[in-house]
Amino acid sequence: MPARTGGVPSQILMLTAAAMLCFAANSLLCRLALASRRIDAATYTTLRVGSGAAILCCVVWLQRRALPHIIHANFRSVASLLAYFIFFSFAYLRLDAGSGALVLIGSVQLTMFSVAFWEGERFSAWQWAGLAAALLGFVYLVLPGASAPDPLGAVLMGMCGIAWGCFSLLARGANDPVETNAANLIACLLPAAAVNLLAAHDFEATAAGVLLAIASGSIATGLGYVIWYLALRGLPATHAATVQLSMPALVALGGVGLLSEPLTGRVLVASVMMLGGIALVLQRAQSSS
């Protein structure tokens, strides 16, 4: 039996930590590539999708000596995933890594809460208070001011979070999530390339930018998905939702250390309000289940 910490096997905790680092790396790699104009956003997206599809196809091949077929892709999942990839890249043309990750995770969780409410789940007074705090934190983050994130960038990242939230909800019924995601990524390739052609007038790519995009797709996205799905096998749903709240903090620290981005008081206050409010909702949901 594996060693356990707080009721969760230590291997699961290690996989969870590795997955969060991979997801945080996506924001840092994207910002590192785009902020310095090492590559344009559309080309970055196409390379990320392609390399992510390639690594997941390799994993599927190693598992069953067969490649995933596009018929396993889900049209709505493909549309949501494609929107996530595109909005993610173009948002990070305008946002710092930390504020972008905060808007992303906040909009993901609020999307999933909204769907849960629509499907009949009812919240307690504490949960409504948590949601209110999270929404106020989001409003405070994007209010006009010297340290506010770029409005268009915040909108794009909010749409990115909504798309990822929808994709996560659609993926709940997948029998083989790795093969399904491989098929979804393959299906995203052609429309991603089409966006690349439409934005050809902005094309620019250096060797460093290409390598960063491939690293994001193959390691942070492709392997990150595999590690996350392995972790989910031993991680309760509420724990899985709560642990994702660590991602903006990891990105913000990485942005300060690797990208020399400022950690403003606005981001810190908004982080406490948004992530604290969401955590309150999740903890109350756990205790009532």
C-alpha atoms as a PDB file:
ATOM      1  CA  MET A   1       0.000   0.000   0.000  1.00  0.00           C
ATOM      2  CA  PRO A   2       1.325   3.481  -0.844  1.00  0.00           C
ATOM      3  CA  ALA A   3       2.053   5.895   1.939  1.00  0.00           C
ATOM      4  CA  ARG A   4      -0.851   8.226   2.635  1.00  0.00           C
ATOM      5  CA  THR A   5      -1.002  11.846   3.676  1.00  0.00           C
ATOM      6  CA  GLY A   6      -4.357  13.203   4.848  1.00  0.00           C
ATOM      7  CA  GLY A   7      -6.175  10.216   3.366  1.00  0.00           C
ATOM      8  CA  VAL A   8      -4.706  10.654  -0.124  1.00  0.00           C
ATOM      9  CA  PRO A   9      -1.885   8.367  -1.351  1.00  0.00           C
ATOM     10  CA  SER A  10       1.485  10.104  -1.554  1.00  0.00           C
ATOM     11  CA  GLN A  11       1.870   9.070  -5.213  1.00  0.00           C
ATOM     12  CA  ILE A  12      -1.405  10.843  -5.990  1.00  0.00           C
ATOM     13  CA  LEU A  13      -0.175  13.964  -4.217  1.00  0.00           C
ATOM     14  CA  MET A  14       3.040  13.878  -6.243  1.00  0.00           C
ATOM     15  CA  LEU A  15       1.124  13.420  -9.505  1.00  0.00           C
ATOM     16  CA  THR A  16      -1.219  16.260  -8.548  1.00  0.00           C
ATOM     17  CA  ALA A  17       1.696  18.590  -7.796  1.00  0.00           C
ATOM     18  CA  ALA A  18       3.346  17.647 -11.108  1.00  0.00           C
ATOM     19  CA  ALA A  19       0.107  18.318 -12.997  1.00  0.00           C
ATOM     20  CA  MET A  20      -0.305  21.745 -11.383  1.00  0.00           C
ATOM     21  CA  LEU A  21       3.284  22.613 -12.320  1.00  0.00           C
ATOM     22  CA  CYS A  22       2.562  21.571 -15.911  1.00  0.00           C
ATOM     23  CA  PHE A  23      -0.594  23.684 -16.061  1.00  0.00           C
ATOM     24  CA  ALA A  24       1.216  26.667 -14.545  1.00  0.00           C
ATOM     25  CA  ALA A  25       4.025  26.162 -17.059  1.00  0.00           C
ATOM     26  CA  ASN A  26       1.518  26.634 -19.891  1.00  0.00           C
ATOM     27  CA  SER A  27       0.916  30.236 -18.814  1.00  0.00           C
ATOM     28  CA  LEU A  28       4.602  30.941 -18.233  1.00  0.00           C
ATOM     29  CA  LEU A  29       5.759  29.416 -21.525  1.00  0.00           C
ATOM     30  CA  CYS A  30       3.061  31.227 -23.495  1.00  0.00           C
ATOM     31  CA  ARG A  31       3.833  34.585 -21.909  1.00  0.00           C
ATOM     32  CA  LEU A  32       7.578  34.032 -22.321  1.00  0.00           C
ATOM     33  CA  ALA A  33       7.131  33.296 -26.031  1.00  0.00           C
ATOM     34  CA  LEU A  34       4.621  36.032 -26.850  1.00  0.00           C
ATOM     35  CA  ALA A  35       5.732  38.931 -24.643  1.00  0.00           C
ATOM     36  CA  SER A  36       9.100  39.099 -26.365  1.00  0.00           C
ATOM     37  CA  ARG A  37       7.566  38.502 -29.827  1.00  0.00           C
ATOM     38  CA  ARG A  38       9.503  35.294 -30.319  1.00  0.00           C
ATOM     39  CA  ILE A  39       6.456  33.906 -32.142  1.00  0.00           C
ATOM     40  CA  ASP A  40       3.000  35.108 -33.100  1.00  0.00           C
ATOM     41  CA  ALA A  41      -0.067  33.927 -31.189  1.00  0.00           C
ATOM     42  CA  ALA A  42      -1.674  31.953 -34.034  1.00  0.00           C
ATOM     43  CA  THR A  43       1.496  30.009 -34.880  1.00  0.00           C
ATOM     44  CA  TYR A  44       2.073  29.346 -31.188  1.00  0.00           C
ATOM     45  CA  THR A  45      -1.451  27.911 -30.951  1.00  0.00           C
ATOM     46  CA  THR A  46      -1.013  25.635 -33.964  1.00  0.00           C
ATOM     47  CA  LEU A  47       2.319  24.291 -32.724  1.00  0.00           C
ATOM     48  CA  ARG A  48       0.924  23.760 -29.234  1.00  0.00           C
ATOM     49  CA  VAL A  49      -2.071  21.829 -30.566  1.00  0.00           C
ATOM     50  CA  GLY A  50       0.054  19.774 -32.946  1.00  0.00           C
ATOM     51  CA  SER A  51       2.709  18.824 -30.412  1.00  0.00           C
ATOM     52  CA  GLY A  52       0.070  18.054 -27.784  1.00  0.00           C
ATOM     53  CA  ALA A  53      -1.735  15.770 -30.235  1.00  0.00           C
ATOM     54  CA  ALA A  54       1.553  14.069 -31.121  1.00  0.00           C
ATOM     55  CA  ILE A  55       2.497  13.261 -27.520  1.00  0.00           C
ATOM     56  CA  LEU A  56      -0.987  11.950 -26.670  1.00  0.00           C
ATOM     57  CA  CYS A  57      -0.957   9.791 -29.812  1.00  0.00           C
ATOM     58  CA  CYS A  58       2.367   8.345 -28.645  1.00  0.00           C
ATOM     59  CA  VAL A  59       0.872   7.549 -25.229  1.00  0.00           C
ATOM     60  CA  VAL A  60      -2.136   5.834 -26.842  1.00  0.00           C
ATOM     61  CA  TRP A  61       0.197   3.866 -29.143  1.00  0.00           C
ATOM     62  CA  LEU A  62       2.272   2.675 -26.204  1.00  0.00           C
ATOM     63  CA  GLN A  63      -0.894   1.585 -24.399  1.00  0.00           C
ATOM     64  CA  ARG A  64      -2.584  -0.361 -27.191  1.00  0.00           C
ATOM     65  CA  ARG A  65      -0.353  -0.343 -30.279  1.00  0.00           C
ATOM     66  CA  ALA A  66      -2.966   1.655 -32.188  1.00  0.00           C
ATOM     67  CA  LEU A  67      -3.461   5.324 -32.940  1.00  0.00           C
ATOM     68  CA  PRO A  68      -6.556   7.238 -31.836  1.00  0.00           C
ATOM     69  CA  HIS A  69      -9.170   7.766 -34.520  1.00  0.00           C
ATOM     70  CA  ILE A  70     -10.814  11.111 -35.148  1.00  0.00           C
ATOM     71  CA  ILE A  71     -14.240   9.458 -34.859  1.00  0.00           C
ATOM     72  CA  HIS A  72     -13.637   9.374 -31.092  1.00  0.00           C
ATOM     73  CA  ALA A  73     -13.640  13.181 -31.033  1.00  0.00           C
ATOM     74  CA  ASN A  74     -16.674  15.010 -29.697  1.00  0.00           C
ATOM     75  CA  PHE A  75     -17.721  18.029 -31.784  1.00  0.00           C
ATOM     76  CA  ARG A  76     -18.703  20.177 -28.800  1.00  0.00           C
ATOM     77  CA  SER A  77     -15.531  19.226 -26.945  1.00  0.00           C
ATOM     78  CA  VAL A  78     -13.439  20.088 -30.000  1.00  0.00           C
ATOM     79  CA  ALA A  79     -15.143  23.483 -30.318  1.00  0.00           C
ATOM     80  CA  SER A  80     -14.599  24.232 -26.614  1.00  0.00           C
ATOM     81  CA  LEU A  81     -10.986  23.055 -26.682  1.00  0.00           C
ATOM     82  CA  LEU A  82     -10.194  25.047 -29.818  1.00  0.00           C
ATOM     83  CA  ALA A  83     -11.705  28.194 -28.286  1.00  0.00           C
ATOM     84  CA  TYR A  84      -9.628  27.642 -25.153  1.00  0.00           C
ATOM     85  CA  PHE A  85      -6.380  27.324 -27.133  1.00  0.00           C
ATOM     86  CA  ILE A  86      -7.021  30.362 -29.333  1.00  0.00           C
ATOM     87  CA  PHE A  87      -8.278  32.725 -26.617  1.00  0.00           C
ATOM     88  CA  PHE A  88      -5.466  31.602 -24.298  1.00  0.00           C
ATOM     89  CA  SER A  89      -2.731  32.577 -26.748  1.00  0.00           C
ATOM     90  CA  PHE A  90      -4.239  35.870 -27.871  1.00  0.00           C
ATOM     91  CA  ALA A  91      -5.072  36.885 -24.284  1.00  0.00           C
ATOM     92  CA  TYR A  92      -1.441  36.442 -23.255  1.00  0.00           C
ATOM     93  CA  LEU A  93      -0.401  38.992 -25.840  1.00  0.00           C
ATOM     94  CA  ARG A  94      -1.954  41.535 -23.461  1.00  0.00           C
ATOM     95  CA  LEU A  95      -1.838  40.077 -19.936  1.00  0.00           C
ATOM     96  CA  ASP A  96       0.852  39.333 -17.396  1.00  0.00           C
ATOM     97  CA  ALA A  97       1.166  35.649 -16.542  1.00  0.00           C
ATOM     98  CA  GLY A  98      -0.206  36.019 -13.005  1.00  0.00           C
ATOM     99  CA  SER A  99      -3.267  38.144 -13.735  1.00  0.00           C
ATOM    100  CA  GLY A 100      -4.055  35.998 -16.781  1.00  0.00           C
ATOM    101  CA  ALA A 101      -3.986  32.786 -14.743  1.00  0.00           C
ATOM    102  CA  LEU A 102      -6.189  34.378 -12.075  1.00  0.00           C
ATOM    103  CA  VAL A 103      -8.836  35.405 -14.617  1.00  0.00           C
ATOM    104  CA  LEU A 104      -8.593  31.970 -16.243  1.00  0.00           C
ATOM    105  CA  ILE A 105      -9.108  29.857 -13.124  1.00  0.00           C
ATOM    106  CA  GLY A 106     -11.784  32.200 -11.788  1.00  0.00           C
ATOM    107  CA  SER A 107     -13.837  32.030 -14.981  1.00  0.00           C
ATOM    108  CA  VAL A 108     -13.372  28.237 -15.189  1.00  0.00           C
ATOM    109  CA  GLN A 109     -14.705  27.672 -11.675  1.00  0.00           C
ATOM    110  CA  LEU A 110     -17.550  30.184 -12.007  1.00  0.00           C
ATOM    111  CA  THR A 111     -18.609  28.534 -15.266  1.00  0.00           C
ATOM    112  CA  MET A 112     -18.707  25.124 -13.626  1.00  0.00           C
ATOM    113  CA  PHE A 113     -20.606  26.479 -10.606  1.00  0.00           C
ATOM    114  CA  SER A 114     -23.159  28.115 -12.928  1.00  0.00           C
ATOM    115  CA  VAL A 115     -23.733  24.851 -14.775  1.00  0.00           C
ATOM    116  CA  ALA A 116     -24.047  22.957 -11.489  1.00  0.00           C
ATOM    117  CA  PHE A 117     -26.724  25.441 -10.351  1.00  0.00           C
ATOM    118  CA  TRP A 118     -28.497  25.137 -13.712  1.00  0.00           C
ATOM    119  CA  GLU A 119     -28.478  21.337 -13.344  1.00  0.00           C
ATOM    120  CA  GLY A 120     -30.256  21.574 -10.004  1.00  0.00           C
ATOM    121  CA  GLU A 121     -27.531  21.842  -7.368  1.00  0.00           C
ATOM    122  CA  ARG A 122     -28.470  24.355  -4.675  1.00  0.00           C
ATOM    123  CA  PHE A 123     -25.968  26.370  -2.643  1.00  0.00           C
ATOM    124  CA  SER A 124     -25.978  27.256   1.035  1.00  0.00           C
ATOM    125  CA  ALA A 125     -25.688  30.797   2.353  1.00  0.00           C
ATOM    126  CA  TRP A 126     -21.941  30.274   2.876  1.00  0.00           C
ATOM    127  CA  GLN A 127     -21.539  29.136  -0.705  1.00  0.00           C
ATOM    128  CA  TRP A 128     -23.405  32.176  -2.007  1.00  0.00           C
ATOM    129  CA  ALA A 129     -21.150  34.351   0.149  1.00  0.00           C
ATOM    130  CA  GLY A 130     -18.117  32.635  -1.366  1.00  0.00           C
ATOM    131  CA  LEU A 131     -19.421  33.197  -4.889  1.00  0.00           C
ATOM    132  CA  ALA A 132     -20.104  36.851  -4.093  1.00  0.00           C
ATOM    133  CA  ALA A 133     -16.550  37.300  -2.773  1.00  0.00           C
ATOM    134  CA  ALA A 134     -15.125  35.661  -5.886  1.00  0.00           C
ATOM    135  CA  LEU A 135     -17.188  37.879  -8.196  1.00  0.00           C
ATOM    136  CA  LEU A 136     -16.256  41.022  -6.260  1.00  0.00           C
ATOM    137  CA  GLY A 137     -12.610  40.001  -6.478  1.00  0.00           C
ATOM    138  CA  PHE A 138     -12.924  39.607 -10.234  1.00  0.00           C
ATOM    139  CA  VAL A 139     -14.612  42.996 -10.565  1.00  0.00           C
ATOM    140  CA  TYR A 140     -11.900  44.593  -8.428  1.00  0.00           C
ATOM    141  CA  LEU A 141      -9.189  42.996 -10.584  1.00  0.00           C
ATOM    142  CA  VAL A 142     -10.549  44.388 -13.851  1.00  0.00           C
ATOM    143  CA  LEU A 143     -11.688  47.821 -12.608  1.00  0.00           C
ATOM    144  CA  PRO A 144      -9.974  50.625 -14.563  1.00  0.00           C
ATOM    145  CA  GLY A 145      -6.768  51.831 -12.999  1.00  0.00           C
ATOM    146  CA  ALA A 146      -3.029  51.984 -13.425  1.00  0.00           C
ATOM    147  CA  SER A 147      -2.505  48.390 -12.321  1.00  0.00           C
ATOM    148  CA  ALA A 148      -5.586  46.891 -13.971  1.00  0.00           C
ATOM    149  CA  PRO A 149      -5.033  44.186 -16.589  1.00  0.00           C
ATOM    150  CA  ASP A 150      -5.701  45.067 -20.216  1.00  0.00           C
ATOM    151  CA  PRO A 151      -9.526  45.015 -20.700  1.00  0.00           C
ATOM    152  CA  LEU A 152      -9.485  43.143 -24.011  1.00  0.00           C
ATOM    153  CA  GLY A 153      -6.960  40.661 -22.641  1.00  0.00           C
ATOM    154  CA  ALA A 154      -9.169  40.068 -19.592  1.00  0.00           C
ATOM    155  CA  VAL A 155     -12.215  39.496 -21.817  1.00  0.00           C
ATOM    156  CA  LEU A 156     -10.307  37.044 -24.006  1.00  0.00           C
ATOM    157  CA  MET A 157      -9.010  35.155 -20.973  1.00  0.00           C
ATOM    158  CA  GLY A 158     -12.486  35.107 -19.457  1.00  0.00           C
ATOM    159  CA  MET A 159     -13.809  33.543 -22.675  1.00  0.00           C
ATOM    160  CA  CYS A 160     -10.894  31.109 -22.529  1.00  0.00           C
ATOM    161  CA  GLY A 161     -11.913  30.080 -19.010  1.00  0.00           C
ATOM    162  CA  ILE A 162     -15.550  29.635 -20.036  1.00  0.00           C
ATOM    163  CA  ALA A 163     -14.417  27.423 -22.929  1.00  0.00           C
ATOM    164  CA  TRP A 164     -12.212  25.317 -20.637  1.00  0.00           C
ATOM    165  CA  GLY A 165     -15.001  25.006 -18.082  1.00  0.00           C
ATOM    166  CA  CYS A 166     -17.372  23.766 -20.798  1.00  0.00           C
ATOM    167  CA  PHE A 167     -14.721  21.347 -22.074  1.00  0.00           C
ATOM    168  CA  SER A 168     -14.171  19.988 -18.557  1.00  0.00           C
ATOM    169  CA  LEU A 169     -17.895  19.417 -18.082  1.00  0.00           C
ATOM    170  CA  LEU A 170     -18.233  17.728 -21.479  1.00  0.00           C
ATOM    171  CA  ALA A 171     -15.303  15.430 -20.638  1.00  0.00           C
ATOM    172  CA  ARG A 172     -17.054  13.972 -17.588  1.00  0.00           C
ATOM    173  CA  GLY A 173     -18.412  10.992 -19.516  1.00  0.00           C
ATOM    174  CA  ALA A 174     -15.253  10.036 -21.409  1.00  0.00           C
ATOM    175  CA  ASN A 175     -14.434   6.331 -21.049  1.00  0.00           C
ATOM    176  CA  ASP A 176     -10.804   6.767 -22.099  1.00  0.00           C
ATOM    177  CA  PRO A 177      -9.891  10.440 -21.498  1.00  0.00           C
ATOM    178  CA  VAL A 178      -6.375  10.164 -22.957  1.00  0.00           C
ATOM    179  CA  GLU A 179      -7.546   8.655 -26.254  1.00  0.00           C
ATOM    180  CA  THR A 180     -10.537  11.001 -26.390  1.00  0.00           C
ATOM    181  CA  ASN A 181      -8.341  14.057 -25.820  1.00  0.00           C
ATOM    182  CA  ALA A 182      -5.878  12.821 -28.440  1.00  0.00           C
ATOM    183  CA  ALA A 183      -8.739  12.584 -30.940  1.00  0.00           C
ATOM    184  CA  ASN A 184     -10.035  16.019 -29.884  1.00  0.00           C
ATOM    185  CA  LEU A 185      -6.594  17.578 -30.384  1.00  0.00           C
ATOM    186  CA  ILE A 186      -6.242  15.956 -33.806  1.00  0.00           C
ATOM    187  CA  ALA A 187      -9.625  17.407 -34.740  1.00  0.00           C
ATOM    188  CA  CYS A 188      -8.438  20.849 -33.556  1.00  0.00           C
ATOM    189  CA  LEU A 189      -5.440  20.824 -35.903  1.00  0.00           C
ATOM    190  CA  LEU A 190      -7.173  21.841 -39.122  1.00  0.00           C
ATOM    191  CA  PRO A 191      -9.190  24.773 -37.679  1.00  0.00           C
ATOM    192  CA  ALA A 192      -6.106  25.931 -35.741  1.00  0.00           C
ATOM    193  CA  ALA A 193      -4.134  25.934 -38.989  1.00  0.00           C
ATOM    194  CA  ALA A 194      -6.975  27.878 -40.633  1.00  0.00           C
ATOM    195  CA  VAL A 195      -6.703  30.561 -37.928  1.00  0.00           C
ATOM    196  CA  ASN A 196      -2.969  30.564 -38.591  1.00  0.00           C
ATOM    197  CA  LEU A 197      -3.598  31.280 -42.284  1.00  0.00           C
ATOM    198  CA  LEU A 198      -6.074  34.058 -41.472  1.00  0.00           C
ATOM    199  CA  ALA A 199      -3.439  35.685 -39.240  1.00  0.00           C
ATOM    200  CA  ALA A 200      -0.601  35.115 -41.713  1.00  0.00           C
ATOM    201  CA  HIS A 201       0.038  38.875 -41.927  1.00  0.00           C
ATOM    202  CA  ASP A 202       1.236  38.753 -38.296  1.00  0.00           C
ATOM    203  CA  PHE A 203       3.453  35.711 -38.809  1.00  0.00           C
ATOM    204  CA  GLU A 204       6.744  35.666 -36.953  1.00  0.00           C
ATOM    205  CA  ALA A 205       8.652  32.746 -35.520  1.00  0.00           C
ATOM    206  CA  THR A 206      12.091  32.338 -34.042  1.00  0.00           C
ATOM    207  CA  ALA A 207      13.717  29.056 -33.066  1.00  0.00           C
ATOM    208  CA  ALA A 208      13.193  29.900 -29.390  1.00  0.00           C
ATOM    209  CA  GLY A 209       9.508  30.679 -29.951  1.00  0.00           C
ATOM    210  CA  VAL A 210       8.940  27.421 -31.800  1.00  0.00           C
ATOM    211  CA  LEU A 211      10.664  25.435 -29.040  1.00  0.00           C
ATOM    212  CA  LEU A 212       8.589  27.155 -26.351  1.00  0.00           C
ATOM    213  CA  ALA A 213       5.359  26.355 -28.224  1.00  0.00           C
ATOM    214  CA  ILE A 214       6.371  22.717 -28.676  1.00  0.00           C
ATOM    215  CA  ALA A 215       7.359  22.452 -25.008  1.00  0.00           C
ATOM    216  CA  SER A 216       3.978  23.871 -24.013  1.00  0.00           C
ATOM    217  CA  GLY A 217       2.111  21.435 -26.265  1.00  0.00           C
ATOM    218  CA  SER A 218       4.088  18.272 -25.655  1.00  0.00           C
ATOM    219  CA  ILE A 219       5.090  18.586 -21.998  1.00  0.00           C
ATOM    220  CA  ALA A 220       2.869  21.117 -20.226  1.00  0.00           C
ATOM    221  CA  THR A 221      -0.273  20.217 -22.213  1.00  0.00           C
ATOM    222  CA  GLY A 222       0.103  16.631 -23.479  1.00  0.00           C
ATOM    223  CA  LEU A 223       1.994  15.052 -20.590  1.00  0.00           C
ATOM    224  CA  GLY A 224       0.225  17.386 -18.175  1.00  0.00           C
ATOM    225  CA  TYR A 225      -3.132  15.901 -19.238  1.00  0.00           C
ATOM    226  CA  VAL A 226      -1.844  12.349 -18.789  1.00  0.00           C
ATOM    227  CA  ILE A 227      -0.447  13.110 -15.321  1.00  0.00           C
ATOM    228  CA  TRP A 228      -3.655  14.885 -14.295  1.00  0.00           C
ATOM    229  CA  TYR A 229      -5.867  11.981 -15.355  1.00  0.00           C
ATOM    230  CA  LEU A 230      -3.647   9.576 -13.425  1.00  0.00           C
ATOM    231  CA  ALA A 231      -3.983  11.829 -10.369  1.00  0.00           C
ATOM    232  CA  LEU A 232      -7.768  12.023 -10.745  1.00  0.00           C
ATOM    233  CA  ARG A 233      -8.022   8.264 -10.214  1.00  0.00           C
ATOM    234  CA  GLY A 234      -7.212   8.739  -6.535  1.00  0.00           C
ATOM    235  CA  LEU A 235      -8.299  12.332  -5.958  1.00  0.00           C
ATOM    236  CA  PRO A 236     -11.833  13.141  -4.734  1.00  0.00           C
ATOM    237  CA  ALA A 237     -13.727  15.555  -6.990  1.00  0.00           C
ATOM    238  CA  THR A 238     -13.782  18.382  -4.448  1.00  0.00           C
ATOM    239  CA  HIS A 239     -10.041  17.973  -3.841  1.00  0.00           C
ATOM    240  CA  ALA A 240      -9.456  18.064  -7.595  1.00  0.00           C
ATOM    241  CA  ALA A 241     -11.371  21.314  -7.902  1.00  0.00           C
ATOM    242  CA  THR A 242      -9.728  22.905  -4.865  1.00  0.00           C
ATOM    243  CA  VAL A 243      -6.150  22.022  -5.793  1.00  0.00           C
ATOM    244  CA  GLN A 244      -6.514  23.852  -9.106  1.00  0.00           C
ATOM    245  CA  LEU A 245      -6.741  27.078  -7.105  1.00  0.00           C
ATOM    246  CA  SER A 246      -2.985  26.778  -6.520  1.00  0.00           C
ATOM    247  CA  MET A 247      -2.280  27.349 -10.213  1.00  0.00           C
ATOM    248  CA  PRO A 248      -2.578  31.185 -10.268  1.00  0.00           C
ATOM    249  CA  ALA A 249      -0.229  31.455  -7.283  1.00  0.00           C
ATOM    250  CA  LEU A 250       2.342  29.237  -9.011  1.00  0.00           C
ATOM    251  CA  VAL A 251       2.052  31.295 -12.182  1.00  0.00           C
ATOM    252  CA  ALA A 252       2.324  34.600 -10.333  1.00  0.00           C
ATOM    253  CA  LEU A 253       5.472  33.452  -8.520  1.00  0.00           C
ATOM    254  CA  GLY A 254       6.906  32.138 -11.775  1.00  0.00           C
ATOM    255  CA  GLY A 255       6.077  35.402 -13.495  1.00  0.00           C
ATOM    256  CA  VAL A 256       7.971  37.349 -10.837  1.00  0.00           C
ATOM    257  CA  GLY A 257      10.959  35.008 -10.840  1.00  0.00           C
ATOM    258  CA  LEU A 258      11.246  34.128 -14.533  1.00  0.00           C
ATOM    259  CA  LEU A 259       9.609  37.019 -16.376  1.00  0.00           C
ATOM    260  CA  SER A 260      10.346  39.907 -13.972  1.00  0.00           C
ATOM    261  CA  GLU A 261       6.643  40.741 -13.811  1.00  0.00           C
ATOM    262  CA  PRO A 262       5.419  42.903 -10.921  1.00  0.00           C
ATOM    263  CA  LEU A 263       3.217  41.341  -8.256  1.00  0.00           C
ATOM    264  CA  THR A 264       0.799  44.214  -7.653  1.00  0.00           C
ATOM    265  CA  GLY A 265      -1.363  44.796  -4.603  1.00  0.00           C
ATOM    266  CA  ARG A 266      -4.435  44.619  -6.842  1.00  0.00           C
ATOM    267  CA  VAL A 267      -3.552  41.084  -7.963  1.00  0.00           C
ATOM    268  CA  LEU A 268      -2.838  40.000  -4.378  1.00  0.00           C
ATOM    269  CA  VAL A 269      -6.147  41.367  -3.022  1.00  0.00           C
ATOM    270  CA  ALA A 270      -8.124  39.981  -5.964  1.00  0.00           C
ATOM    271  CA  SER A 271      -6.407  36.606  -5.515  1.00  0.00           C
ATOM    272  CA  VAL A 272      -7.458  36.396  -1.865  1.00  0.00           C
ATOM    273  CA  MET A 273     -11.050  37.365  -2.693  1.00  0.00           C
ATOM    274  CA  MET A 274     -11.460  35.164  -5.770  1.00  0.00           C
ATOM    275  CA  LEU A 275      -9.600  32.059  -4.681  1.00  0.00           C
ATOM    276  CA  GLY A 276     -10.758  32.310  -1.072  1.00  0.00           C
ATOM    277  CA  GLY A 277     -14.384  32.649  -2.183  1.00  0.00           C
ATOM    278  CA  ILE A 278     -14.149  29.706  -4.561  1.00  0.00           C
ATOM    279  CA  ALA A 279     -12.403  27.590  -1.918  1.00  0.00           C
ATOM    280  CA  LEU A 280     -15.240  28.374   0.502  1.00  0.00           C
ATOM    281  CA  VAL A 281     -17.799  27.133  -2.017  1.00  0.00           C
ATOM    282  CA  LEU A 282     -15.825  23.957  -2.638  1.00  0.00           C
ATOM    283  CA  GLN A 283     -15.241  23.205   1.045  1.00  0.00           C
ATOM    284  CA  ARG A 284     -18.920  23.716   1.882  1.00  0.00           C
ATOM    285  CA  ALA A 285     -19.844  21.464  -1.026  1.00  0.00           C
ATOM    286  CA  GLN A 286     -17.487  18.802   0.315  1.00  0.00           C
ATOM    287  CA  SER A 287     -18.810  19.006   3.868  1.00  0.00           C
ATOM    288  CA  SER A 288     -22.435  18.768   2.725  1.00  0.00           C
ATOM    289  CA  SER A 289     -21.831  15.750   0.454  1.00  0.00           C
END
